[in-house]
PDB file of N, CA and C in Angstrom:
ATOM      1  N   MET A   1       4.729  16.909  12.135  1.00  0.00           N
ATOM      2  CA  MET A   1       4.152  16.150  11.072  1.00  0.00           C
ATOM      3  C   MET A   1       5.557  15.655  10.429  1.00  0.00           C
ATOM      4  N   PRO A   2       5.736  14.333  10.276  1.00  0.00           N
ATOM      5  CA  PRO A   2       6.905  13.793   9.433  1.00  0.00           C
ATOM      6  C   PRO A   2       6.661  14.105   7.976  1.00  0.00           C
ATOM      7  N   ILE A   3       7.936  14.131   7.379  1.00  0.00           N
ATOM      8  CA  ILE A   3       8.109  14.662   5.935  1.00  0.00           C
ATOM      9  C   ILE A   3       7.272  13.413   5.079  1.00  0.00           C
ATOM     10  N   ARG A   4       7.321  12.325   5.574  1.00  0.00           N
ATOM     11  CA  ARG A   4       6.467  11.086   4.680  1.00  0.00           C
ATOM     12  C   ARG A   4       5.100  11.684   4.448  1.00  0.00           C
ATOM     13  N   SER A   5       4.563  12.108   5.679  1.00  0.00           N
ATOM     14  CA  SER A   5       3.036  12.509   5.433  1.00  0.00           C
ATOM     15  C   SER A   5       3.012  13.697   4.577  1.00  0.00           C
ATOM     16  N   VAL A   6       3.782  14.614   4.373  1.00  0.00           N
ATOM     17  CA  VAL A   6       3.728  15.706   3.583  1.00  0.00           C
ATOM     18  C   VAL A   6       3.891  15.449   2.177  1.00  0.00           C
ATOM     19  N   ILE A   7       4.671  14.548   1.822  1.00  0.00           N
ATOM     20  CA  ILE A   7       4.871  13.738   0.591  1.00  0.00           C
ATOM     21  C   ILE A   7       3.622  13.094   0.104  1.00  0.00           C
ATOM     22  N   THR A   8       3.248  12.316   0.841  1.00  0.00           N
ATOM     23  CA  THR A   8       1.920  11.631   0.610  1.00  0.00           C
ATOM     24  C   THR A   8       0.813  12.592   0.275  1.00  0.00           C
ATOM     25  N   PHE A   9       0.628  13.505   1.162  1.00  0.00           N
ATOM     26  CA  PHE A   9      -0.535  14.542   0.954  1.00  0.00           C
ATOM     27  C   PHE A   9      -0.249  15.275  -0.349  1.00  0.00           C
ATOM     28  N   ARG A  10       0.933  15.641  -0.581  1.00  0.00           N
ATOM     29  CA  ARG A  10       1.286  16.372  -1.890  1.00  0.00           C
ATOM     30  C   ARG A  10       1.137  15.648  -3.132  1.00  0.00           C
ATOM     31  N   LEU A  11       1.559  14.431  -3.263  1.00  0.00           N
ATOM     32  CA  LEU A  11       1.260  13.442  -4.254  1.00  0.00           C
ATOM     33  C   LEU A  11       0.042  13.342  -4.616  1.00  0.00           C
ATOM     34  N   ALA A  12      -0.803  13.169  -3.643  1.00  0.00           N
ATOM     35  CA  ALA A  12      -2.329  12.903  -3.828  1.00  0.00           C
ATOM     36  C   ALA A  12      -3.022  14.343  -4.344  1.00  0.00           C
ATOM     37  N   LEU A  13      -2.786  15.153  -3.591  1.00  0.00           N
ATOM     38  CA  LEU A  13      -3.580  16.429  -3.941  1.00  0.00           C
ATOM     39  C   LEU A  13      -3.027  17.247  -5.399  1.00  0.00           C
ATOM     40  N   ALA A  14      -1.750  17.213  -5.615  1.00  0.00           N
ATOM     41  CA  ALA A  14      -1.206  17.732  -6.642  1.00  0.00           C
ATOM     42  C   ALA A  14      -1.726  17.020  -8.008  1.00  0.00           C
ATOM     43  N   ASN A  15      -2.147  15.799  -7.744  1.00  0.00           N
ATOM     44  CA  ASN A  15      -2.373  14.878  -8.936  1.00  0.00           C
ATOM     45  C   ASN A  15      -4.092  14.991  -8.972  1.00  0.00           C
ATOM     46  N   GLY A  16      -4.760  15.834  -8.389  1.00  0.00           N
ATOM     47  CA  GLY A  16      -6.264  15.871  -8.361  1.00  0.00           C
ATOM     48  C   GLY A  16      -6.903  14.584  -7.683  1.00  0.00           C
ATOM     49  N   ALA A  17      -6.084  13.880  -6.850  1.00  0.00           N
ATOM     50  CA  ALA A  17      -6.855  12.816  -6.207  1.00  0.00           C
ATOM     51  C   ALA A  17      -7.416  13.133  -4.888  1.00  0.00           C
ATOM     52  N   THR A  18      -8.314  12.248  -4.262  1.00  0.00           N
ATOM     53  CA  THR A  18      -9.000  12.516  -3.091  1.00  0.00           C
ATOM     54  C   THR A  18      -8.036  11.692  -1.879  1.00  0.00           C
ATOM     55  N   LEU A  19      -7.786  12.556  -0.985  1.00  0.00           N
ATOM     56  CA  LEU A  19      -6.826  11.887  -0.042  1.00  0.00           C
ATOM     57  C   LEU A  19      -7.788  11.373   1.175  1.00  0.00           C
ATOM     58  N   VAL A  20      -7.942  10.159   1.366  1.00  0.00           N
ATOM     59  CA  VAL A  20      -8.641   9.698   2.476  1.00  0.00           C
ATOM     60  C   VAL A  20      -7.956   9.465   3.836  1.00  0.00           C
ATOM     61  N   LEU A  21      -8.329   9.935   4.711  1.00  0.00           N
ATOM     62  CA  LEU A  21      -7.542   9.732   6.053  1.00  0.00           C
ATOM     63  C   LEU A  21      -8.554   8.991   7.028  1.00  0.00           C
ATOM     64  N   GLY A  22      -8.036   8.084   7.694  1.00  0.00           N
ATOM     65  CA  GLY A  22      -8.744   7.157   8.713  1.00  0.00           C
ATOM     66  C   GLY A  22      -8.034   7.404  10.083  1.00  0.00           C
ATOM     67  N   ASP A  23      -9.203   7.021  11.117  1.00  0.00           N
ATOM     68  CA  ASP A  23      -8.557   7.074  12.307  1.00  0.00           C
ATOM     69  C   ASP A  23      -7.671   5.642  12.662  1.00  0.00           C
ATOM     70  N   ARG A  24      -7.214   5.583  13.768  1.00  0.00           N
ATOM     71  CA  ARG A  24      -6.180   4.554  14.296  1.00  0.00           C
ATOM     72  C   ARG A  24      -6.828   3.312  14.082  1.00  0.00           C
ATOM     73  N   THR A  25      -8.142   3.358  14.615  1.00  0.00           N
ATOM     74  CA  THR A  25      -8.931   1.906  14.485  1.00  0.00           C
ATOM     75  C   THR A  25      -9.119   1.337  13.082  1.00  0.00           C
ATOM     76  N   ALA A  26      -9.372   2.340  12.330  1.00  0.00           N
ATOM     77  CA  ALA A  26      -9.808   1.818  10.954  1.00  0.00           C
ATOM     78  C   ALA A  26      -8.513   1.448  10.089  1.00  0.00           C
ATOM     79  N   LEU A  27      -7.356   1.964  10.517  1.00  0.00           N
ATOM     80  CA  LEU A  27      -6.152   1.462   9.891  1.00  0.00           C
ATOM     81  C   LEU A  27      -5.354   0.423  10.519  1.00  0.00           C
ATOM     82  N   LEU A  28      -6.005  -0.330  11.463  1.00  0.00           N
ATOM     83  CA  LEU A  28      -5.270  -1.321  12.093  1.00  0.00           C
ATOM     84  C   LEU A  28      -5.196  -2.503  10.949  1.00  0.00           C
ATOM     85  N   PRO A  29      -3.870  -3.230  10.823  1.00  0.00           N
ATOM     86  CA  PRO A  29      -4.028  -4.306   9.968  1.00  0.00           C
ATOM     87  C   PRO A  29      -5.107  -5.361  10.172  1.00  0.00           C
ATOM     88  N   GLY A  30      -5.624  -5.907   9.252  1.00  0.00           N
ATOM     89  CA  GLY A  30      -6.555  -6.998   9.314  1.00  0.00           C
ATOM     90  C   GLY A  30      -7.919  -6.582   8.692  1.00  0.00           C
ATOM     91  N   ASP A  31      -8.854  -7.214   9.449  1.00  0.00           N
ATOM     92  CA  ASP A  31     -10.337  -7.029   8.916  1.00  0.00           C
ATOM     93  C   ASP A  31     -10.725  -5.500   8.815  1.00  0.00           C
ATOM     94  N   ASP A  32     -10.309  -4.514   9.819  1.00  0.00           N
ATOM     95  CA  ASP A  32     -10.669  -3.327   9.849  1.00  0.00           C
ATOM     96  C   ASP A  32     -10.015  -2.557   8.692  1.00  0.00           C
ATOM     97  N   LEU A  33      -8.863  -2.633   8.520  1.00  0.00           N
ATOM     98  CA  LEU A  33      -8.147  -2.169   7.244  1.00  0.00           C
ATOM     99  C   LEU A  33      -8.770  -2.454   5.807  1.00  0.00           C
ATOM    100  N   LEU A  34      -9.092  -3.626   5.668  1.00  0.00           N
ATOM    101  CA  LEU A  34      -9.896  -4.297   4.698  1.00  0.00           C
ATOM    102  C   LEU A  34     -11.229  -3.589   4.467  1.00  0.00           C
ATOM    103  N   ALA A  35     -12.101  -3.443   5.517  1.00  0.00           N
ATOM    104  CA  ALA A  35     -13.230  -2.772   5.362  1.00  0.00           C
ATOM    105  C   ALA A  35     -13.109  -1.323   4.990  1.00  0.00           C
ATOM    106  N   PHE A  36     -12.129  -0.696   5.621  1.00  0.00           N
ATOM    107  CA  PHE A  36     -11.776   0.910   5.205  1.00  0.00           C
ATOM    108  C   PHE A  36     -11.323   1.030   3.816  1.00  0.00           C
ATOM    109  N   LEU A  37     -10.544   0.014   3.331  1.00  0.00           N
ATOM    110  CA  LEU A  37     -10.020   0.139   1.777  1.00  0.00           C
ATOM    111  C   LEU A  37     -11.343   0.003   0.903  1.00  0.00           C
ATOM    112  N   ALA A  38     -11.972  -0.971   1.351  1.00  0.00           N
ATOM    113  CA  ALA A  38     -13.186  -1.432   0.354  1.00  0.00           C
ATOM    114  C   ALA A  38     -14.313  -0.331   0.600  1.00  0.00           C
ATOM    115  N   HIS A  39     -14.677   0.038   1.688  1.00  0.00           N
ATOM    116  CA  HIS A  39     -15.594   1.081   1.731  1.00  0.00           C
ATOM    117  C   HIS A  39     -15.515   2.429   1.221  1.00  0.00           C
ATOM    118  N   HIS A  40     -14.239   2.813   1.124  1.00  0.00           N
ATOM    119  CA  HIS A  40     -13.585   4.107   0.389  1.00  0.00           C
ATOM    120  C   HIS A  40     -13.182   3.766  -0.990  1.00  0.00           C
ATOM    121  N   ALA A  41     -13.252   2.590  -1.449  1.00  0.00           N
ATOM    122  CA  ALA A  41     -12.932   2.443  -2.630  1.00  0.00           C
ATOM    123  C   ALA A  41     -11.492   2.982  -2.915  1.00  0.00           C
ATOM    124  N   ILE A  42     -10.576   2.771  -2.251  1.00  0.00           N
ATOM    125  CA  ILE A  42      -9.091   3.325  -2.259  1.00  0.00           C
ATOM    126  C   ILE A  42      -8.563   2.611  -3.376  1.00  0.00           C
ATOM    127  N   GLN A  43      -7.781   3.581  -4.410  1.00  0.00           N
ATOM    128  CA  GLN A  43      -7.250   3.147  -5.517  1.00  0.00           C
ATOM    129  C   GLN A  43      -5.813   2.919  -5.366  1.00  0.00           C
ATOM    130  N   ILE A  44      -5.146   3.625  -4.542  1.00  0.00           N
ATOM    131  CA  ILE A  44      -3.772   3.531  -4.479  1.00  0.00           C
ATOM    132  C   ILE A  44      -3.433   3.559  -2.875  1.00  0.00           C
ATOM    133  N   VAL A  45      -2.591   2.711  -2.528  1.00  0.00           N
ATOM    134  CA  VAL A  45      -2.016   2.648  -1.123  1.00  0.00           C
ATOM    135  C   VAL A  45      -0.715   2.311  -0.906  1.00  0.00           C
ATOM    136  N   THR A  46      -0.274   2.668   0.280  1.00  0.00           N
ATOM    137  CA  THR A  46       1.192   2.562   0.588  1.00  0.00           C
ATOM    138  C   THR A  46       1.129   1.763   2.007  1.00  0.00           C
ATOM    139  N   LEU A  47       1.592   0.547   2.102  1.00  0.00           N
ATOM    140  CA  LEU A  47       1.578  -0.040   3.394  1.00  0.00           C
ATOM    141  C   LEU A  47       2.785  -0.671   3.730  1.00  0.00           C
ATOM    142  N   PRO A  48       3.294  -1.008   4.885  1.00  0.00           N
ATOM    143  CA  PRO A  48       4.281  -1.823   5.188  1.00  0.00           C
ATOM    144  C   PRO A  48       3.902  -3.304   4.971  1.00  0.00           C
ATOM    145  N   PRO A  49       4.716  -4.228   4.269  1.00  0.00           N
ATOM    146  CA  PRO A  49       4.425  -5.512   3.949  1.00  0.00           C
ATOM    147  C   PRO A  49       3.695  -6.391   5.064  1.00  0.00           C
ATOM    148  N   THR A  50       4.113  -5.984   6.231  1.00  0.00           N
ATOM    149  CA  THR A  50       3.320  -6.836   7.131  1.00  0.00           C
ATOM    150  C   THR A  50       1.899  -6.430   7.405  1.00  0.00           C
ATOM    151  N   ALA A  51       1.530  -5.185   7.249  1.00  0.00           N
ATOM    152  CA  ALA A  51       0.089  -4.731   7.199  1.00  0.00           C
ATOM    153  C   ALA A  51      -0.537  -5.371   6.095  1.00  0.00           C
ATOM    154  N   LEU A  52       0.144  -5.343   4.879  1.00  0.00           N
ATOM    155  CA  LEU A  52      -0.439  -6.233   3.754  1.00  0.00           C
ATOM    156  C   LEU A  52      -0.666  -7.545   4.050  1.00  0.00           C
ATOM    157  N   ALA A  53       0.323  -8.214   4.615  1.00  0.00           N
ATOM    158  CA  ALA A  53       0.061  -9.577   4.908  1.00  0.00           C
ATOM    159  C   ALA A  53      -0.921  -9.910   5.874  1.00  0.00           C
ATOM    160  N   ALA A  54      -1.272  -9.127   6.784  1.00  0.00           N
ATOM    161  CA  ALA A  54      -2.360  -9.108   7.963  1.00  0.00           C
ATOM    162  C   ALA A  54      -3.689  -9.140   7.171  1.00  0.00           C
ATOM    163  N   LEU A  55      -3.824  -8.697   5.960  1.00  0.00           N
ATOM    164  CA  LEU A  55      -5.217  -8.674   5.432  1.00  0.00           C
ATOM    165  C   LEU A  55      -6.010 -10.153   5.377  1.00  0.00           C
ATOM    166  N   PRO A  56      -7.059 -10.289   5.833  1.00  0.00           N
ATOM    167  CA  PRO A  56      -7.525 -11.818   5.692  1.00  0.00           C
ATOM    168  C   PRO A  56      -7.314 -12.468   4.327  1.00  0.00           C
ATOM    169  N   PRO A  57      -7.425 -13.717   4.291  1.00  0.00           N
ATOM    170  CA  PRO A  57      -7.452 -14.446   3.271  1.00  0.00           C
ATOM    171  C   PRO A  57      -8.682 -14.111   2.309  1.00  0.00           C
ATOM    172  N   GLY A  58      -8.393 -13.971   0.932  1.00  0.00           N
ATOM    173  CA  GLY A  58      -9.333 -13.364   0.015  1.00  0.00           C
ATOM    174  C   GLY A  58      -9.434 -11.899  -0.252  1.00  0.00           C
ATOM    175  N   ALA A  59      -8.713 -11.177   0.614  1.00  0.00           N
ATOM    176  CA  ALA A  59      -8.869  -9.786   0.422  1.00  0.00           C
ATOM    177  C   ALA A  59      -8.504  -9.180  -0.790  1.00  0.00           C
ATOM    178  N   GLU A  60      -7.586  -9.717  -1.311  1.00  0.00           N
ATOM    179  CA  GLU A  60      -7.177  -9.227  -2.723  1.00  0.00           C
ATOM    180  C   GLU A  60      -8.267  -9.220  -3.701  1.00  0.00           C
ATOM    181  N   SER A  61      -9.214 -10.200  -3.615  1.00  0.00           N
ATOM    182  CA  SER A  61     -10.386 -10.103  -4.523  1.00  0.00           C
ATOM    183  C   SER A  61     -11.537  -9.134  -4.062  1.00  0.00           C
ATOM    184  N   LYS A  62     -11.474  -8.693  -2.660  1.00  0.00           N
ATOM    185  CA  LYS A  62     -12.554  -7.841  -2.258  1.00  0.00           C
ATOM    186  C   LYS A  62     -12.092  -6.407  -2.593  1.00  0.00           C
ATOM    187  N   LEU A  63     -11.047  -6.009  -3.200  1.00  0.00           N
ATOM    188  CA  LEU A  63     -10.763  -4.723  -3.330  1.00  0.00           C
ATOM    189  C   LEU A  63     -10.645  -4.440  -4.813  1.00  0.00           C
ATOM    190  N   PRO A  64     -11.677  -4.467  -5.555  1.00  0.00           N
ATOM    191  CA  PRO A  64     -11.737  -4.269  -6.981  1.00  0.00           C
ATOM    192  C   PRO A  64     -11.239  -2.827  -7.492  1.00  0.00           C
ATOM    193  N   ALA A  65     -11.388  -1.795  -6.457  1.00  0.00           N
ATOM    194  CA  ALA A  65     -10.905  -0.558  -7.047  1.00  0.00           C
ATOM    195  C   ALA A  65      -9.295  -0.318  -6.733  1.00  0.00           C
ATOM    196  N   LEU A  66      -8.668  -1.053  -6.054  1.00  0.00           N
ATOM    197  CA  LEU A  66      -7.302  -0.941  -5.514  1.00  0.00           C
ATOM    198  C   LEU A  66      -6.551  -1.267  -6.834  1.00  0.00           C
ATOM    199  N   ALA A  67      -5.965  -0.242  -7.633  1.00  0.00           N
ATOM    200  CA  ALA A  67      -5.154  -0.361  -8.609  1.00  0.00           C
ATOM    201  C   ALA A  67      -3.751  -0.322  -8.533  1.00  0.00           C
ATOM    202  N   THR A  68      -3.268   0.136  -7.397  1.00  0.00           N
ATOM    203  CA  THR A  68      -1.814   0.304  -7.175  1.00  0.00           C
ATOM    204  C   THR A  68      -1.638   0.199  -5.661  1.00  0.00           C
ATOM    205  N   ILE A  69      -0.548  -0.762  -5.489  1.00  0.00           N
ATOM    206  CA  ILE A  69      -0.237  -0.946  -4.144  1.00  0.00           C
ATOM    207  C   ILE A  69       1.288  -0.666  -4.150  1.00  0.00           C
ATOM    208  N   THR A  70       1.814  -0.022  -2.960  1.00  0.00           N
ATOM    209  CA  THR A  70       3.357   0.168  -2.828  1.00  0.00           C
ATOM    210  C   THR A  70       3.478  -0.237  -1.322  1.00  0.00           C
ATOM    211  N   VAL A  71       4.535  -1.138  -1.379  1.00  0.00           N
ATOM    212  CA  VAL A  71       4.913  -1.317  -0.025  1.00  0.00           C
ATOM    213  C   VAL A  71       6.361  -0.739   0.362  1.00  0.00           C
ATOM    214  N   ALA A  72       6.599  -0.490   1.511  1.00  0.00           N
ATOM    215  CA  ALA A  72       7.679   0.239   1.854  1.00  0.00           C
ATOM    216  C   ALA A  72       7.997  -0.056   3.492  1.00  0.00           C
ATOM    217  N   GLY A  73       9.367   0.014   3.843  1.00  0.00           N
ATOM    218  CA  GLY A  73       9.471  -0.035   5.305  1.00  0.00           C
ATOM    219  C   GLY A  73      10.155  -1.141   5.798  1.00  0.00           C
ATOM    220  N   GLU A  74      10.140  -2.351   4.956  1.00  0.00           N
ATOM    221  CA  GLU A  74      10.569  -3.598   5.300  1.00  0.00           C
ATOM    222  C   GLU A  74      10.713  -4.445   4.192  1.00  0.00           C
ATOM    223  N   ALA A  75      11.434  -5.544   4.239  1.00  0.00           N
ATOM    224  CA  ALA A  75      11.384  -6.351   3.023  1.00  0.00           C
ATOM    225  C   ALA A  75       9.999  -7.008   2.517  1.00  0.00           C
ATOM    226  N   CYS A  76       9.880  -7.105   1.317  1.00  0.00           N
ATOM    227  CA  CYS A  76       8.536  -7.714   0.859  1.00  0.00           C
ATOM    228  C   CYS A  76       8.650  -9.105   0.412  1.00  0.00           C
ATOM    229  N   PRO A  77       8.056 -10.121   0.975  1.00  0.00           N
ATOM    230  CA  PRO A  77       8.182 -11.327   0.611  1.00  0.00           C
ATOM    231  C   PRO A  77       7.436 -11.605  -0.847  1.00  0.00           C
ATOM    232  N   ALA A  78       7.956 -12.564  -1.392  1.00  0.00           N
ATOM    233  CA  ALA A  78       7.484 -12.948  -2.874  1.00  0.00           C
ATOM    234  C   ALA A  78       5.973 -13.365  -2.797  1.00  0.00           C
ATOM    235  N   GLU A  79       5.705 -13.907  -1.682  1.00  0.00           N
ATOM    236  CA  GLU A  79       4.290 -14.361  -1.558  1.00  0.00           C
ATOM    237  C   GLU A  79       3.314 -13.177  -1.476  1.00  0.00           C
ATOM    238  N   LEU A  80       3.655 -12.204  -1.014  1.00  0.00           N
ATOM    239  CA  LEU A  80       2.829 -10.886  -0.966  1.00  0.00           C
ATOM    240  C   LEU A  80       2.571 -10.485  -2.403  1.00  0.00           C
ATOM    241  N   VAL A  81       3.741 -10.480  -3.191  1.00  0.00           N
ATOM    242  CA  VAL A  81       3.674 -10.158  -4.621  1.00  0.00           C
ATOM    243  C   VAL A  81       2.674 -11.001  -5.351  1.00  0.00           C
ATOM    244  N   ARG A  82       2.873 -12.447  -5.238  1.00  0.00           N
ATOM    245  CA  ARG A  82       2.010 -13.319  -5.831  1.00  0.00           C
ATOM    246  C   ARG A  82       0.657 -13.235  -5.538  1.00  0.00           C
ATOM    247  N   ARG A  83       0.182 -12.759  -4.268  1.00  0.00           N
ATOM    248  CA  ARG A  83      -0.974 -12.641  -3.808  1.00  0.00           C
ATOM    249  C   ARG A  83      -1.832 -11.294  -4.236  1.00  0.00           C
ATOM    250  N   PHE A  84      -0.969 -10.411  -4.315  1.00  0.00           N
ATOM    251  CA  PHE A  84      -1.763  -9.064  -4.428  1.00  0.00           C
ATOM    252  C   PHE A  84      -1.342  -8.220  -5.850  1.00  0.00           C
ATOM    253  N   ALA A  85      -0.454  -8.719  -6.568  1.00  0.00           N
ATOM    254  CA  ALA A  85       0.183  -7.964  -7.625  1.00  0.00           C
ATOM    255  C   ALA A  85      -0.893  -8.395  -8.947  1.00  0.00           C
ATOM    256  N   PRO A  86      -1.379  -9.605  -9.000  1.00  0.00           N
ATOM    257  CA  PRO A  86      -2.174  -9.899 -10.313  1.00  0.00           C
ATOM    258  C   PRO A  86      -3.308  -8.841 -10.566  1.00  0.00           C
ATOM    259  N   GLY A  87      -3.399  -8.254 -11.650  1.00  0.00           N
ATOM    260  CA  GLY A  87      -4.574  -7.420 -11.984  1.00  0.00           C
ATOM    261  C   GLY A  87      -4.247  -5.922 -11.392  1.00  0.00           C
ATOM    262  N   ARG A  88      -3.215  -5.670 -10.916  1.00  0.00           N
ATOM    263  CA  ARG A  88      -2.931  -4.237 -10.231  1.00  0.00           C
ATOM    264  C   ARG A  88      -1.256  -4.040 -10.388  1.00  0.00           C
ATOM    265  N   ARG A  89      -0.929  -2.749 -10.286  1.00  0.00           N
ATOM    266  CA  ARG A  89       0.415  -2.476 -10.082  1.00  0.00           C
ATOM    267  C   ARG A  89       0.918  -2.491  -8.846  1.00  0.00           C
ATOM    268  N   PHE A  90       2.122  -3.084  -8.482  1.00  0.00           N
ATOM    269  CA  PHE A  90       2.788  -3.475  -7.085  1.00  0.00           C
ATOM    270  C   PHE A  90       4.195  -2.877  -7.098  1.00  0.00           C
ATOM    271  N   PHE A  91       4.354  -2.106  -6.273  1.00  0.00           N
ATOM    272  CA  PHE A  91       5.668  -1.507  -6.305  1.00  0.00           C
ATOM    273  C   PHE A  91       6.276  -1.819  -4.923  1.00  0.00           C
ATOM    274  N   ASN A  92       7.613  -1.988  -4.853  1.00  0.00           N
ATOM    275  CA  ASN A  92       8.343  -1.956  -3.723  1.00  0.00           C
ATOM    276  C   ASN A  92       9.344  -1.010  -3.542  1.00  0.00           C
ATOM    277  N   LEU A  93       8.973  -0.143  -2.578  1.00  0.00           N
ATOM    278  CA  LEU A  93       9.819   1.113  -2.328  1.00  0.00           C
ATOM    279  C   LEU A  93      10.792   0.827  -1.417  1.00  0.00           C
ATOM    280  N   TYR A  94      12.156   1.337  -1.496  1.00  0.00           N
ATOM    281  CA  TYR A  94      13.226   0.984  -0.735  1.00  0.00           C
ATOM    282  C   TYR A  94      14.048   2.247  -0.442  1.00  0.00           C
ATOM    283  N   GLY A  95      14.486   2.480   0.756  1.00  0.00           N
ATOM    284  CA  GLY A  95      15.285   3.624   1.018  1.00  0.00           C
ATOM    285  C   GLY A  95      16.024   3.312   2.454  1.00  0.00           C
ATOM    286  N   PRO A  96      17.229   3.674   2.588  1.00  0.00           N
ATOM    287  CA  PRO A  96      17.870   3.426   3.823  1.00  0.00           C
ATOM    288  C   PRO A  96      17.116   4.121   5.136  1.00  0.00           C
ATOM    289  N   THR A  97      16.861   3.585   6.274  1.00  0.00           N
ATOM    290  CA  THR A  97      16.097   4.267   7.223  1.00  0.00           C
ATOM    291  C   THR A  97      16.774   5.617   7.584  1.00  0.00           C
ATOM    292  N   GLU A  98      17.939   5.735   7.424  1.00  0.00           N
ATOM    293  CA  GLU A  98      18.524   6.932   8.058  1.00  0.00           C
ATOM    294  C   GLU A  98      18.358   8.364   7.093  1.00  0.00           C
ATOM    295  N   ALA A  99      17.843   7.935   5.850  1.00  0.00           N
ATOM    296  CA  ALA A  99      17.556   9.091   4.858  1.00  0.00           C
ATOM    297  C   ALA A  99      16.042   9.116   4.633  1.00  0.00           C
ATOM    298  N   THR A 100      15.412   8.059   4.487  1.00  0.00           N
ATOM    299  CA  THR A 100      13.966   8.099   4.004  1.00  0.00           C
ATOM    300  C   THR A 100      13.341   6.692   3.841  1.00  0.00           C
ATOM    301  N   ILE A 101      11.968   6.679   4.023  1.00  0.00           N
ATOM    302  CA  ILE A 101      11.453   5.433   3.928  1.00  0.00           C
ATOM    303  C   ILE A 101      11.682   4.785   2.568  1.00  0.00           C
ATOM    304  N   TRP A 102      11.673   5.738   1.371  1.00  0.00           N
ATOM    305  CA  TRP A 102      11.948   5.195   0.038  1.00  0.00           C
ATOM    306  C   TRP A 102      12.750   6.307  -0.650  1.00  0.00           C
ATOM    307  N   SER A 103      13.745   5.799  -1.619  1.00  0.00           N
ATOM    308  CA  SER A 103      14.340   6.645  -2.391  1.00  0.00           C
ATOM    309  C   SER A 103      14.510   5.869  -3.659  1.00  0.00           C
ATOM    310  N   THR A 104      14.248   4.604  -3.757  1.00  0.00           N
ATOM    311  CA  THR A 104      14.208   3.828  -5.106  1.00  0.00           C
ATOM    312  C   THR A 104      12.814   3.026  -5.027  1.00  0.00           C
ATOM    313  N   ALA A 105      12.412   2.713  -6.258  1.00  0.00           N
ATOM    314  CA  ALA A 105      11.082   2.042  -6.521  1.00  0.00           C
ATOM    315  C   ALA A 105      11.349   0.993  -7.504  1.00  0.00           C
ATOM    316  N   ALA A 106      10.663  -0.181  -7.256  1.00  0.00           N
ATOM    317  CA  ALA A 106      10.601  -1.272  -8.369  1.00  0.00           C
ATOM    318  C   ALA A 106       9.302  -1.712  -8.580  1.00  0.00           C
ATOM    319  N   GLU A 107       8.820  -1.922  -9.798  1.00  0.00           N
ATOM    320  CA  GLU A 107       7.574  -2.403 -10.023  1.00  0.00           C
ATOM    321  C   GLU A 107       7.863  -4.042 -10.093  1.00  0.00           C
ATOM    322  N   LEU A 108       7.062  -4.806  -9.257  1.00  0.00           N
ATOM    323  CA  LEU A 108       7.143  -6.125  -9.058  1.00  0.00           C
ATOM    324  C   LEU A 108       5.904  -6.825  -9.840  1.00  0.00           C
ATOM    325  N   VAL A 109       6.047  -7.833 -10.535  1.00  0.00           N
ATOM    326  CA  VAL A 109       5.186  -8.690 -11.159  1.00  0.00           C
ATOM    327  C   VAL A 109       5.060 -10.074 -10.534  1.00  0.00           C
ATOM    328  N   ALA A 110       4.059 -10.633 -10.386  1.00  0.00           N
ATOM    329  CA  ALA A 110       3.867 -11.874  -9.659  1.00  0.00           C
ATOM    330  C   ALA A 110       4.833 -13.146 -10.392  1.00  0.00           C
ATOM    331  N   GLY A 111       5.047 -13.137 -11.565  1.00  0.00           N
ATOM    332  CA  GLY A 111       5.748 -14.214 -12.200  1.00  0.00           C
ATOM    333  C   GLY A 111       7.205 -13.882 -12.218  1.00  0.00           C
ATOM    334  N   ASP A 112       7.584 -12.667 -11.780  1.00  0.00           N
ATOM    335  CA  ASP A 112       9.026 -12.366 -11.885  1.00  0.00           C
ATOM    336  C   ASP A 112       9.650 -12.766 -10.359  1.00  0.00           C
ATOM    337  N   VAL A 113       8.971 -12.908  -9.390  1.00  0.00           N
ATOM    338  CA  VAL A 113       9.545 -13.179  -7.944  1.00  0.00           C
ATOM    339  C   VAL A 113       9.307 -14.595  -7.488  1.00  0.00           C
TER     340      VAL A 113
END
């Protein structure tokens, strides 16, 4: 099991959150992922920017429970911040691939990028 998943499990469970796991089909970027996030009323999610970008138009308004988005693993285009940050916290996580997926984090606001 990669260390990244252990950290994710620990962050959720140590804070009293519910950890929701999906199968590969439910987590494919696009309509399936949107349906999974909405059905489970996911409040916090970490995705690569390309997975977030693959959500269908209007997805941002179909996820009222989603309060915090973190993106990691690749560069985050400003358009994603403009699209998904309003009304929620949006973090860009960064880390050199050799060490970790993220070692630093910056909160992004739509008007700042």
